[in-house]
C-alpha atoms as a PDB file:
ATOM      1  CA  MET A   1      45.226-147.341  34.023  1.00  0.00           C
ATOM      2  CA  LYS A   2      46.616-150.886  34.372  1.00  0.00           C
ATOM      3  CA  THR A   3      50.349-151.370  34.758  1.00  0.00           C
ATOM      4  CA  TRP A   4      52.631-154.410  34.799  1.00  0.00           C
ATOM      5  CA  PHE A   5      51.514-156.578  37.727  1.00  0.00           C
ATOM      6  CA  GLY A   6      49.515-153.859  39.384  1.00  0.00           C
ATOM      7  CA  VAL A   7      47.384-150.764  39.401  1.00  0.00           C
ATOM      8  CA  LEU A   8      48.560-147.173  39.136  1.00  0.00           C
ATOM      9  CA  LEU A   9      46.891-145.074  41.821  1.00  0.00           C
ATOM     10  CA  ALA A  10      45.989-141.401  41.545  1.00  0.00           C
ATOM     11  CA  THR A  11      48.918-140.646  43.854  1.00  0.00           C
ATOM     12  CA  GLY A  12      51.341-142.099  41.304  1.00  0.00           C
ATOM     13  CA  VAL A  13      52.310-145.005  43.613  1.00  0.00           C
ATOM     14  CA  ALA A  14      52.455-148.420  41.866  1.00  0.00           C
ATOM     15  CA  ILE A  15      51.404-151.479  43.885  1.00  0.00           C
ATOM     16  CA  SER A  16      53.014-154.569  42.331  1.00  0.00           C
ATOM     17  CA  LEU A  17      52.402-158.227  42.841  1.00  0.00           C
ATOM     18  CA  PRO A  18      55.566-160.298  43.355  1.00  0.00           C
ATOM     19  CA  ALA A  19      56.870-161.677  40.080  1.00  0.00           C
ATOM     20  CA  ASN A  20      58.057-165.009  41.508  1.00  0.00           C
ATOM     21  CA  ALA A  21      55.871-165.558  44.551  1.00  0.00           C
ATOM     22  CA  ALA A  22      52.227-166.286  45.217  1.00  0.00           C
ATOM     23  CA  GLY A  23      51.517-162.834  46.706  1.00  0.00           C
ATOM     24  CA  VAL A  24      48.218-161.519  48.016  1.00  0.00           C
ATOM     25  CA  ALA A  25      45.071-163.530  47.165  1.00  0.00           C
ATOM     26  CA  PRO A  26      43.010-162.222  44.250  1.00  0.00           C
ATOM     27  CA  GLY A  27      39.964-160.231  45.294  1.00  0.00           C
ATOM     28  CA  THR A  28      41.705-158.839  48.369  1.00  0.00           C
ATOM     29  CA  GLN A  29      40.835-155.181  48.849  1.00  0.00           C
ATOM     30  CA  ILE A  30      43.575-152.712  49.685  1.00  0.00           C
ATOM     31  CA  ASN A  31      42.012-149.654  51.294  1.00  0.00           C
ATOM     32  CA  ASN A  32      43.659-146.303  51.804  1.00  0.00           C
ATOM     33  CA  THR A  33      42.734-142.844  53.087  1.00  0.00           C
ATOM     34  CA  ALA A  34      44.917-139.825  53.753  1.00  0.00           C
ATOM     35  CA  THR A  35      44.436-137.117  56.395  1.00  0.00           C
ATOM     36  CA  VAL A  36      45.929-133.666  56.625  1.00  0.00           C
ATOM     37  CA  ASP A  37      45.820-131.770  59.951  1.00  0.00           C
ATOM     38  CA  TYR A  38      46.589-128.052  60.141  1.00  0.00           C
ATOM     39  CA  THR A  39      45.827-124.877  62.070  1.00  0.00           C
ATOM     40  CA  VAL A  40      44.705-121.437  60.911  1.00  0.00           C
ATOM     41  CA  SER A  41      44.875-118.562  63.408  1.00  0.00           C
ATOM     42  CA  GLY A  42      45.025-121.063  66.255  1.00  0.00           C
ATOM     43  CA  VAL A  43      42.042-123.053  64.981  1.00  0.00           C
ATOM     44  CA  SER A  44      42.653-126.777  64.195  1.00  0.00           C
ATOM     45  CA  TYR A  45      41.334-128.267  60.987  1.00  0.00           C
ATOM     46  CA  SER A  46      41.446-131.778  59.540  1.00  0.00           C
ATOM     47  CA  ASN A  47      40.643-133.007  56.039  1.00  0.00           C
ATOM     48  CA  THR A  48      40.374-136.694  55.116  1.00  0.00           C
ATOM     49  CA  THR A  49      40.279-138.041  51.562  1.00  0.00           C
ATOM     50  CA  THR A  50      37.563-140.385  50.470  1.00  0.00           C
ATOM     51  CA  LEU A  51      38.291-144.113  50.789  1.00  0.00           C
ATOM     52  CA  ASN A  52      40.432-145.428  47.943  1.00  0.00           C
ATOM     53  CA  THR A  53      39.996-149.167  47.284  1.00  0.00           C
ATOM     54  CA  VAL A  54      42.199-151.306  45.051  1.00  0.00           C
ATOM     55  CA  THR A  55      41.150-154.909  44.363  1.00  0.00           C
ATOM     56  CA  VAL A  56      44.070-157.308  43.809  1.00  0.00           C
ATOM     57  CA  ASP A  57      44.045-159.031  40.408  1.00  0.00           C
ATOM     58  CA  GLU A  58      44.729-162.731  39.919  1.00  0.00           C
ATOM     59  CA  LEU A  59      48.308-163.335  38.776  1.00  0.00           C
ATOM     60  CA  ILE A  60      48.629-166.391  36.528  1.00  0.00           C
ATOM     61  CA  ASP A  61      52.084-167.972  36.687  1.00  0.00           C
ATOM     62  CA  VAL A  62      53.444-171.528  36.505  1.00  0.00           C
ATOM     63  CA  THR A  63      56.748-173.437  36.523  1.00  0.00           C
ATOM     64  CA  VAL A  64      57.650-176.924  35.277  1.00  0.00           C
ATOM     65  CA  THR A  65      60.851-178.562  36.553  1.00  0.00           C
ATOM     66  CA  TRP A  66      62.412-181.930  35.720  1.00  0.00           C
ATOM     67  CA  GLN A  67      63.075-183.777  38.991  1.00  0.00           C
ATOM     68  CA  ASN A  68      65.352-186.746  38.161  1.00  0.00           C
ATOM     69  CA  GLY A  69      68.512-184.650  38.152  1.00  0.00           C
ATOM     70  CA  ALA A  70      70.388-187.066  35.873  1.00  0.00           C
ATOM     71  CA  PRO A  71      69.508-188.983  32.706  1.00  0.00           C
ATOM     72  CA  VAL A  72      67.220-191.959  33.386  1.00  0.00           C
ATOM     73  CA  GLN A  73      69.052-195.085  32.266  1.00  0.00           C
ATOM     74  CA  VAL A  74      67.119-197.433  30.007  1.00  0.00           C
ATOM     75  CA  GLN A  75      67.608-200.586  27.930  1.00  0.00           C
ATOM     76  CA  PRO A  76      66.735-201.189  24.271  1.00  0.00           C
ATOM     77  CA  GLY A  77      63.100-202.328  24.011  1.00  0.00           C
ATOM     78  CA  ALA A  78      62.215-201.386  27.604  1.00  0.00           C
ATOM     79  CA  THR A  79      58.609-200.302  28.235  1.00  0.00           C
ATOM     80  CA  ASP A  80      57.009-197.863  30.692  1.00  0.00           C
ATOM     81  CA  GLN A  81      60.173-195.871  31.374  1.00  0.00           C
ATOM     82  CA  SER A  82      59.430-192.691  33.319  1.00  0.00           C
ATOM     83  CA  LEU A  83      60.714-189.132  33.726  1.00  0.00           C
ATOM     84  CA  LEU A  84      59.560-187.184  36.795  1.00  0.00           C
ATOM     85  CA  PHE A  85      58.401-183.547  36.611  1.00  0.00           C
ATOM     86  CA  ARG A  86      56.869-181.056  39.058  1.00  0.00           C
ATOM     87  CA  VAL A  87      54.239-178.506  38.022  1.00  0.00           C
ATOM     88  CA  THR A  88      53.919-175.589  40.468  1.00  0.00           C
ATOM     89  CA  ASN A  89      51.309-172.830  40.526  1.00  0.00           C
ATOM     90  CA  THR A  90      53.423-169.753  41.261  1.00  0.00           C
ATOM     91  CA  GLY A  91      50.500-167.375  40.812  1.00  0.00           C
ATOM     92  CA  ASN A  92      48.341-165.983  43.614  1.00  0.00           C
ATOM     93  CA  GLY A  93      45.056-167.747  42.832  1.00  0.00           C
ATOM     94  CA  THR A  94      43.694-171.224  42.193  1.00  0.00           C
ATOM     95  CA  GLU A  95      44.308-172.353  38.630  1.00  0.00           C
ATOM     96  CA  ALA A  96      43.735-175.408  36.430  1.00  0.00           C
ATOM     97  CA  PHE A  97      46.413-176.427  33.949  1.00  0.00           C
ATOM     98  CA  THR A  98      46.428-178.444  30.744  1.00  0.00           C
ATOM     99  CA  LEU A  99      49.418-180.759  30.363  1.00  0.00           C
ATOM    100  CA  ALA A 100      51.054-181.990  27.168  1.00  0.00           C
ATOM    101  CA  VAL A 101      54.099-184.050  26.184  1.00  0.00           C
ATOM    102  CA  ALA A 102      56.506-183.619  23.270  1.00  0.00           C
ATOM    103  CA  ALA A 103      58.765-186.609  22.589  1.00  0.00           C
ATOM    104  CA  ASN A 104      60.115-185.860  19.102  1.00  0.00           C
ATOM    105  CA  LEU A 105      62.646-183.217  20.041  1.00  0.00           C
ATOM    106  CA  SER A 106      65.816-182.399  18.145  1.00  0.00           C
ATOM    107  CA  ASN A 107      69.468-182.805  19.143  1.00  0.00           C
ATOM    108  CA  ASP A 108      69.075-186.342  20.491  1.00  0.00           C
ATOM    109  CA  GLN A 109      69.660-189.829  19.053  1.00  0.00           C
ATOM    110  CA  PHE A 110      66.150-191.339  19.249  1.00  0.00           C
ATOM    111  CA  ASP A 111      62.531-190.514  20.034  1.00  0.00           C
ATOM    112  CA  PRO A 112      60.756-192.227  22.954  1.00  0.00           C
ATOM    113  CA  ALA A 113      57.663-194.086  21.756  1.00  0.00           C
ATOM    114  CA  ASN A 114      54.102-194.157  23.125  1.00  0.00           C
ATOM    115  CA  ALA A 115      54.761-191.164  25.385  1.00  0.00           C
ATOM    116  CA  ARG A 116      51.926-190.380  27.804  1.00  0.00           C
ATOM    117  CA  ILE A 117      51.432-188.552  31.085  1.00  0.00           C
ATOM    118  CA  TYR A 118      50.614-190.052  34.490  1.00  0.00           C
ATOM    119  CA  PHE A 119      50.170-188.477  37.897  1.00  0.00           C
ATOM    120  CA  ASP A 120      52.717-189.825  40.401  1.00  0.00           C
ATOM    121  CA  SER A 121      49.822-190.890  42.622  1.00  0.00           C
ATOM    122  CA  ASP A 122      51.881-192.877  45.127  1.00  0.00           C
ATOM    123  CA  ALA A 123      54.716-190.312  45.297  1.00  0.00           C
ATOM    124  CA  SER A 124      57.236-193.025  44.422  1.00  0.00           C
ATOM    125  CA  GLY A 125      59.062-190.908  41.866  1.00  0.00           C
ATOM    126  CA  ASP A 126      58.662-193.489  39.107  1.00  0.00           C
ATOM    127  CA  PHE A 127      55.902-195.286  37.219  1.00  0.00           C
ATOM    128  CA  SER A 128      53.806-197.641  39.356  1.00  0.00           C
ATOM    129  CA  VAL A 129      50.632-199.670  38.840  1.00  0.00           C
ATOM    130  CA  GLY A 130      48.509-197.258  40.892  1.00  0.00           C
ATOM    131  CA  ASP A 131      49.542-194.098  39.002  1.00  0.00           C
ATOM    132  CA  VAL A 132      46.631-192.343  37.270  1.00  0.00           C
ATOM    133  CA  LEU A 133      46.683-191.655  33.531  1.00  0.00           C
ATOM    134  CA  TYR A 134      46.223-187.997  32.624  1.00  0.00           C
ATOM    135  CA  ALA A 135      43.513-187.160  30.086  1.00  0.00           C
ATOM    136  CA  PRO A 136      43.447-183.523  28.896  1.00  0.00           C
ATOM    137  CA  GLY A 137      40.187-181.797  29.770  1.00  0.00           C
ATOM    138  CA  SER A 138      39.114-184.646  32.037  1.00  0.00           C
ATOM    139  CA  ASN A 139      41.435-184.547  35.039  1.00  0.00           C
ATOM    140  CA  ASP A 140      43.461-181.366  34.529  1.00  0.00           C
ATOM    141  CA  PRO A 141      45.321-180.598  37.787  1.00  0.00           C
ATOM    142  CA  VAL A 142      43.724-177.770  39.779  1.00  0.00           C
ATOM    143  CA  LEU A 143      46.363-176.157  41.989  1.00  0.00           C
ATOM    144  CA  ALA A 144      45.955-173.627  44.776  1.00  0.00           C
ATOM    145  CA  SER A 145      48.462-170.802  44.979  1.00  0.00           C
ATOM    146  CA  GLY A 146      51.919-172.246  45.722  1.00  0.00           C
ATOM    147  CA  ALA A 147      50.741-175.857  45.313  1.00  0.00           C
ATOM    148  CA  SER A 148      52.425-178.380  43.031  1.00  0.00           C
ATOM    149  CA  VAL A 149      51.785-181.792  41.515  1.00  0.00           C
ATOM    150  CA  ASP A 150      54.304-184.430  40.430  1.00  0.00           C
ATOM    151  CA  VAL A 151      53.668-186.035  37.069  1.00  0.00           C
ATOM    152  CA  LEU A 152      55.480-188.585  34.928  1.00  0.00           C
ATOM    153  CA  ILE A 153      56.201-188.827  31.243  1.00  0.00           C
ATOM    154  CA  VAL A 154      56.029-192.578  30.616  1.00  0.00           C
ATOM    155  CA  SER A 155      57.520-193.899  27.358  1.00  0.00           C
ATOM    156  CA  ASP A 156      58.683-197.033  25.584  1.00  0.00           C
ATOM    157  CA  ILE A 157      62.247-197.334  24.283  1.00  0.00           C
ATOM    158  CA  PRO A 158      62.795-198.522  20.682  1.00  0.00           C
ATOM    159  CA  GLY A 159      64.656-201.793  20.319  1.00  0.00           C
ATOM    160  CA  SER A 160      67.053-200.324  17.771  1.00  0.00           C
ATOM    161  CA  VAL A 161      68.857-197.959  20.153  1.00  0.00           C
ATOM    162  CA  VAL A 162      72.454-198.569  21.160  1.00  0.00           C
ATOM    163  CA  ASP A 163      74.633-197.849  24.163  1.00  0.00           C
ATOM    164  CA  GLY A 164      75.020-194.160  24.933  1.00  0.00           C
ATOM    165  CA  ASN A 165      72.052-193.002  22.840  1.00  0.00           C
ATOM    166  CA  ARG A 166      70.089-190.173  24.459  1.00  0.00           C
ATOM    167  CA  ALA A 167      66.537-188.944  24.046  1.00  0.00           C
ATOM    168  CA  PHE A 168      64.651-185.899  25.324  1.00  0.00           C
ATOM    169  CA  ALA A 169      60.986-185.567  26.270  1.00  0.00           C
ATOM    170  CA  ARG A 170      59.333-182.291  27.264  1.00  0.00           C
ATOM    171  CA  LEU A 171      56.420-181.687  29.641  1.00  0.00           C
ATOM    172  CA  LYS A 172      54.343-178.559  29.011  1.00  0.00           C
ATOM    173  CA  ALA A 173      51.780-176.920  31.313  1.00  0.00           C
ATOM    174  CA  ALA A 174      49.392-174.155  30.276  1.00  0.00           C
ATOM    175  CA  SER A 175      46.815-172.182  32.261  1.00  0.00           C
ATOM    176  CA  ASN A 176      43.227-173.078  31.422  1.00  0.00           C
ATOM    177  CA  THR A 177      42.218-169.440  31.952  1.00  0.00           C
ATOM    178  CA  PHE A 178      44.448-168.066  29.195  1.00  0.00           C
ATOM    179  CA  THR A 179      48.032-167.759  28.026  1.00  0.00           C
ATOM    180  CA  GLY A 180      49.875-165.069  26.139  1.00  0.00           C
ATOM    181  CA  ASN A 181      52.446-162.375  26.694  1.00  0.00           C
ATOM    182  CA  PRO A 182      53.554-161.455  30.225  1.00  0.00           C
ATOM    183  CA  GLY A 183      51.487-158.574  31.520  1.00  0.00           C
ATOM    184  CA  GLN A 184      48.518-159.325  29.302  1.00  0.00           C
ATOM    185  CA  LEU A 185      45.217-158.769  31.143  1.00  0.00           C
ATOM    186  CA  ARG A 186      41.778-160.328  30.809  1.00  0.00           C
ATOM    187  CA  HIS A 187      38.910-158.570  32.560  1.00  0.00           C
ATOM    188  CA  GLY A 188      36.824-160.689  34.919  1.00  0.00           C
ATOM    189  CA  ALA A 189      38.723-163.923  34.209  1.00  0.00           C
ATOM    190  CA  GLY A 190      40.307-164.314  37.648  1.00  0.00           C
ATOM    191  CA  ASP A 191      39.090-165.924  40.874  1.00  0.00           C
ATOM    192  CA  GLY A 192      35.776-164.446  41.985  1.00  0.00           C
ATOM    193  CA  GLY A 193      35.457-162.421  38.804  1.00  0.00           C
ATOM    194  CA  VAL A 194      38.478-160.188  39.356  1.00  0.00           C
ATOM    195  CA  ASP A 195      40.774-159.331  36.471  1.00  0.00           C
ATOM    196  CA  ALA A 196      43.502-161.843  35.587  1.00  0.00           C
ATOM    197  CA  VAL A 197      47.003-160.837  34.501  1.00  0.00           C
ATOM    198  CA  LEU A 198      49.748-163.076  33.125  1.00  0.00           C
ATOM    199  CA  GLY A 199      53.020-163.332  35.052  1.00  0.00           C
ATOM    200  CA  HIS A 200      56.519-163.813  33.705  1.00  0.00           C
ATOM    201  CA  SER A 201      55.682-167.295  32.386  1.00  0.00           C
ATOM    202  CA  GLY A 202      52.826-165.978  30.261  1.00  0.00           C
ATOM    203  CA  GLY A 203      50.677-168.652  31.916  1.00  0.00           C
ATOM    204  CA  LYS A 204      52.660-171.505  30.405  1.00  0.00           C
ATOM    205  CA  ALA A 205      55.920-173.329  31.130  1.00  0.00           C
ATOM    206  CA  ALA A 206      57.891-176.390  30.028  1.00  0.00           C
ATOM    207  CA  ASP A 207      60.963-178.415  30.886  1.00  0.00           C
ATOM    208  CA  LYS A 208      62.611-181.439  29.319  1.00  0.00           C
ATOM    209  CA  GLY A 209      63.953-184.647  30.812  1.00  0.00           C
ATOM    210  CA  GLU A 210      66.438-187.115  29.391  1.00  0.00           C
ATOM    211  CA  TYR A 211      66.731-190.856  28.826  1.00  0.00           C
ATOM    212  CA  MET A 212      70.107-192.534  28.266  1.00  0.00           C
ATOM    213  CA  VAL A 213      70.623-196.036  26.935  1.00  0.00           C
ATOM    214  CA  ALA A 214      72.969-197.803  29.345  1.00  0.00           C
ATOM    215  CA  ASN A 215      73.167-201.401  28.263  1.00  0.00           C
ATOM    216  CA  SER A 216      76.801-201.519  29.379  1.00  0.00           C
ATOM    217  CA  PRO A 217      77.980-200.862  32.928  1.00  0.00           C
ATOM    218  CA  PHE A 218      79.280-197.548  34.135  1.00  0.00           C
ATOM    219  CA  LEU A 219      81.214-197.003  37.337  1.00  0.00           C
ATOM    220  CA  ILE A 220      80.979-193.547  38.872  1.00  0.00           C
ATOM    221  CA  MET A 221      83.908-192.622  41.126  1.00  0.00           C
ATOM    222  CA  GLN A 222      83.933-189.881  43.766  1.00  0.00           C
ATOM    223  CA  ARG A 223      86.856-188.945  45.998  1.00  0.00           C
ATOM    224  CA  SER A 224      87.028-186.892  49.198  1.00  0.00           C
ATOM    225  CA  ALA A 225      89.701-185.998  51.754  1.00  0.00           C
ATOM    226  CA  LYS A 226      89.559-185.151  55.460  1.00  0.00           C
ATOM    227  CA  VAL A 227      92.553-183.588  57.261  1.00  0.00           C
ATOM    228  CA  THR A 228      93.258-184.089  60.973  1.00  0.00           C
ATOM    229  CA  ASP A 229      96.206-182.188  62.446  1.00  0.00           C
ATOM    230  CA  PRO A 230      98.176-183.284  65.555  1.00  0.00           C
ATOM    231  CA  LYS A 231      96.064-181.000  67.761  1.00  0.00           C
ATOM    232  CA  GLY A 232      92.760-182.410  66.555  1.00  0.00           C
ATOM    233  CA  GLY A 233      92.030-179.590  64.127  1.00  0.00           C
ATOM    234  CA  ASP A 234      91.873-179.655  60.351  1.00  0.00           C
ATOM    235  CA  LEU A 235      95.051-177.748  59.412  1.00  0.00           C
ATOM    236  CA  PRO A 236      97.178-179.421  56.688  1.00  0.00           C
ATOM    237  CA  VAL A 237     100.460-179.042  58.585  1.00  0.00           C
ATOM    238  CA  SER A 238     103.437-181.348  58.911  1.00  0.00           C
ATOM    239  CA  GLY A 239     102.418-184.443  60.881  1.00  0.00           C
ATOM    240  CA  ALA A 240      98.716-184.126  60.001  1.00  0.00           C
ATOM    241  CA  THR A 241      96.919-187.130  58.520  1.00  0.00           C
ATOM    242  CA  ILE A 242      94.682-187.129  55.464  1.00  0.00           C
ATOM    243  CA  LEU A 243      91.866-189.668  55.258  1.00  0.00           C
ATOM    244  CA  TYR A 244      90.978-190.359  51.624  1.00  0.00           C
ATOM    245  CA  THR A 245      87.606-191.896  50.783  1.00  0.00           C
ATOM    246  CA  ILE A 246      86.925-193.305  47.317  1.00  0.00           C
ATOM    247  CA  LYS A 247      83.313-194.137  46.454  1.00  0.00           C
ATOM    248  CA  VAL A 248      82.642-196.378  43.450  1.00  0.00           C
ATOM    249  CA  THR A 249      78.978-196.585  42.393  1.00  0.00           C
ATOM    250  CA  PRO A 250      77.808-199.119  39.753  1.00  0.00           C
ATOM    251  CA  THR A 251      75.251-197.957  37.198  1.00  0.00           C
ATOM    252  CA  GLY A 252      73.853-199.273  33.948  1.00  0.00           C
ATOM    253  CA  ILE A 253      72.324-202.678  33.306  1.00  0.00           C
ATOM    254  CA  SER A 254      74.954-205.443  33.171  1.00  0.00           C
ATOM    255  CA  SER A 255      77.840-206.249  35.519  1.00  0.00           C
ATOM    256  CA  ALA A 256      81.255-204.596  35.495  1.00  0.00           C
ATOM    257  CA  ASN A 257      84.023-207.171  35.699  1.00  0.00           C
ATOM    258  CA  SER A 258      87.549-206.930  37.113  1.00  0.00           C
ATOM    259  CA  ALA A 259      86.951-203.528  38.726  1.00  0.00           C
ATOM    260  CA  LEU A 260      90.264-202.374  40.182  1.00  0.00           C
ATOM    261  CA  VAL A 261      90.778-199.223  42.280  1.00  0.00           C
ATOM    262  CA  THR A 262      94.277-197.729  42.237  1.00  0.00           C
ATOM    263  CA  ASP A 263      95.339-194.535  44.003  1.00  0.00           C
ATOM    264  CA  ALA A 264      98.911-193.214  44.079  1.00  0.00           C
ATOM    265  CA  ILE A 265     100.192-191.911  47.402  1.00  0.00           C
ATOM    266  CA  PRO A 266     100.628-188.128  46.953  1.00  0.00           C
ATOM    267  CA  ALA A 267     104.080-186.577  46.930  1.00  0.00           C
ATOM    268  CA  ASN A 268     105.280-185.194  50.285  1.00  0.00           C
ATOM    269  CA  THR A 269     103.157-187.703  52.195  1.00  0.00           C
ATOM    270  CA  THR A 270     103.699-191.185  53.617  1.00  0.00           C
ATOM    271  CA  TYR A 271     101.168-194.024  53.594  1.00  0.00           C
ATOM    272  CA  VAL A 272      99.904-194.923  57.084  1.00  0.00           C
ATOM    273  CA  PRO A 273     100.439-198.701  57.398  1.00  0.00           C
ATOM    274  CA  GLY A 274      97.306-200.748  58.047  1.00  0.00           C
ATOM    275  CA  SER A 275      94.933-197.907  57.167  1.00  0.00           C
ATOM    276  CA  LEU A 276      93.444-199.448  54.011  1.00  0.00           C
ATOM    277  CA  THR A 277      89.760-200.498  54.248  1.00  0.00           C
ATOM    278  CA  LEU A 278      86.964-201.703  51.959  1.00  0.00           C
ATOM    279  CA  ASN A 279      83.404-200.999  53.081  1.00  0.00           C
ATOM    280  CA  GLY A 280      84.620-200.542  56.647  1.00  0.00           C
ATOM    281  CA  THR A 281      86.644-203.783  56.780  1.00  0.00           C
ATOM    282  CA  ALA A 282      90.393-203.502  57.300  1.00  0.00           C
ATOM    283  CA  LEU A 283      92.606-204.825  54.490  1.00  0.00           C
ATOM    284  CA  GLY A 284      96.199-205.967  54.785  1.00  0.00           C
ATOM    285  CA  ASP A 285      99.008-204.139  53.041  1.00  0.00           C
ATOM    286  CA  GLY A 286     100.470-207.278  51.436  1.00  0.00           C
ATOM    287  CA  THR A 287      99.255-209.804  48.874  1.00  0.00           C
ATOM    288  CA  GLY A 288      99.466-212.993  50.899  1.00  0.00           C
ATOM    289  CA  ASP A 289      96.764-212.174  53.416  1.00  0.00           C
ATOM    290  CA  GLY A 290      93.787-213.367  51.347  1.00  0.00           C
ATOM    291  CA  ASP A 291      92.036-210.007  51.014  1.00  0.00           C
ATOM    292  CA  PRO A 292      91.638-207.876  47.861  1.00  0.00           C
ATOM    293  CA  GLY A 293      93.826-204.928  48.914  1.00  0.00           C
ATOM    294  CA  ASP A 294      97.507-204.067  49.063  1.00  0.00           C
ATOM    295  CA  PHE A 295      99.948-201.182  49.200  1.00  0.00           C
ATOM    296  CA  ASN A 296     103.038-200.826  46.992  1.00  0.00           C
ATOM    297  CA  VAL A 297     102.743-204.362  45.601  1.00  0.00           C
ATOM    298  CA  THR A 298     100.344-204.565  42.651  1.00  0.00           C
ATOM    299  CA  THR A 299     101.159-200.973  41.732  1.00  0.00           C
ATOM    300  CA  PRO A 300     104.343-199.396  43.159  1.00  0.00           C
ATOM    301  CA  GLY A 301     103.686-196.363  45.360  1.00  0.00           C
ATOM    302  CA  SER A 302      99.937-196.906  45.294  1.00  0.00           C
ATOM    303  CA  ILE A 303      97.114-198.597  47.159  1.00  0.00           C
ATOM    304  CA  THR A 304      95.181-201.150  45.095  1.00  0.00           C
ATOM    305  CA  VAL A 305      91.802-202.740  45.848  1.00  0.00           C
ATOM    306  CA  ASP A 306      90.285-205.437  43.623  1.00  0.00           C
ATOM    307  CA  LEU A 307      86.499-204.972  43.629  1.00  0.00           C
ATOM    308  CA  GLY A 308      85.942-207.887  41.251  1.00  0.00           C
ATOM    309  CA  ALA A 309      82.600-208.092  39.432  1.00  0.00           C
ATOM    310  CA  LEU A 310      80.045-205.414  40.307  1.00  0.00           C
ATOM    311  CA  ALA A 311      76.440-205.828  39.253  1.00  0.00           C
ATOM    312  CA  ALA A 312      74.566-202.685  38.191  1.00  0.00           C
ATOM    313  CA  THR A 313      72.356-203.143  41.259  1.00  0.00           C
ATOM    314  CA  ALA A 314      75.288-203.528  43.675  1.00  0.00           C
ATOM    315  CA  SER A 315      75.769-201.052  46.509  1.00  0.00           C
ATOM    316  CA  ALA A 316      78.391-198.348  46.315  1.00  0.00           C
ATOM    317  CA  GLN A 317      81.869-199.551  47.319  1.00  0.00           C
ATOM    318  CA  LEU A 318      83.878-197.439  49.795  1.00  0.00           C
ATOM    319  CA  VAL A 319      87.675-197.599  49.860  1.00  0.00           C
ATOM    320  CA  THR A 320      89.539-195.588  52.501  1.00  0.00           C
ATOM    321  CA  PHE A 321      93.199-195.098  53.438  1.00  0.00           C
ATOM    322  CA  LYS A 322      95.347-192.577  55.290  1.00  0.00           C
ATOM    323  CA  VAL A 323      98.549-190.715  54.569  1.00  0.00           C
ATOM    324  CA  GLN A 324     100.648-188.472  56.788  1.00  0.00           C
ATOM    325  CA  ILE A 325     102.048-185.140  55.646  1.00  0.00           C
ATOM    326  CA  ASN A 326     105.849-185.269  55.848  1.00  0.00           C
END
């Protein structure tokens, strides 16, 4: 009798294919014999069972994962805006998949228009002239076990959207052999005519990506600290110094104006004079030195660095300074 992901042998031992890995190739034969040796009145005997052969079924499994990691920022009326996805054959045989896109999902503020699917032919991660349009039934991706393909949902953004609006689009992949409930079996449908069984995905998977309208600038700030003690270690003891690094990254479309970084010197520490820098260049602690930084002048008890206007395409700005633990 067939069991979930395997075959039940006469011995009662279940051989299972891995649920989340490619596993043994379909059609592989697993052979087994058993031998019993014994003696009767000093005479040795040996009995061997007949050969037992189990042929591995094809496991059909697939995953779809959104690759951008953060909402793709778009402008009102922009065309050919892309979301990157990866389709992976997690079964143990070669399988073709049909792809589909859904762009009218709920719980968002607008629907992307003219959504279609392209293969990321140049591996750039976004839509390019050389990317190939996907046509269901014509160029369905055929993936070996463990192989993957990167594809793009490419959409146009309505002109009526406003800052902060978000939209979702979902990529779906389905096995061309069959889909259904996990564990469902189809005789002779696998590679080389072996049986095919559906894995945990049921032969289909989906994931959604996100667009975000960012017509206004956004500045993302990250802060880190590195401790150096008097003996060269990293213990936060009295006399140790703390190097603070502040990273300001512009995003969005337009420029951010009058960007000002302010950081208060922590209690129980003392600012290290002359330690303030911007993008690796030393800044003076006063206001009459012609540079954009100061300590305890613009804002009492704080370092201040005037970053000015930052275009959305500008590089990240790095501000560093040191304090000493009292």
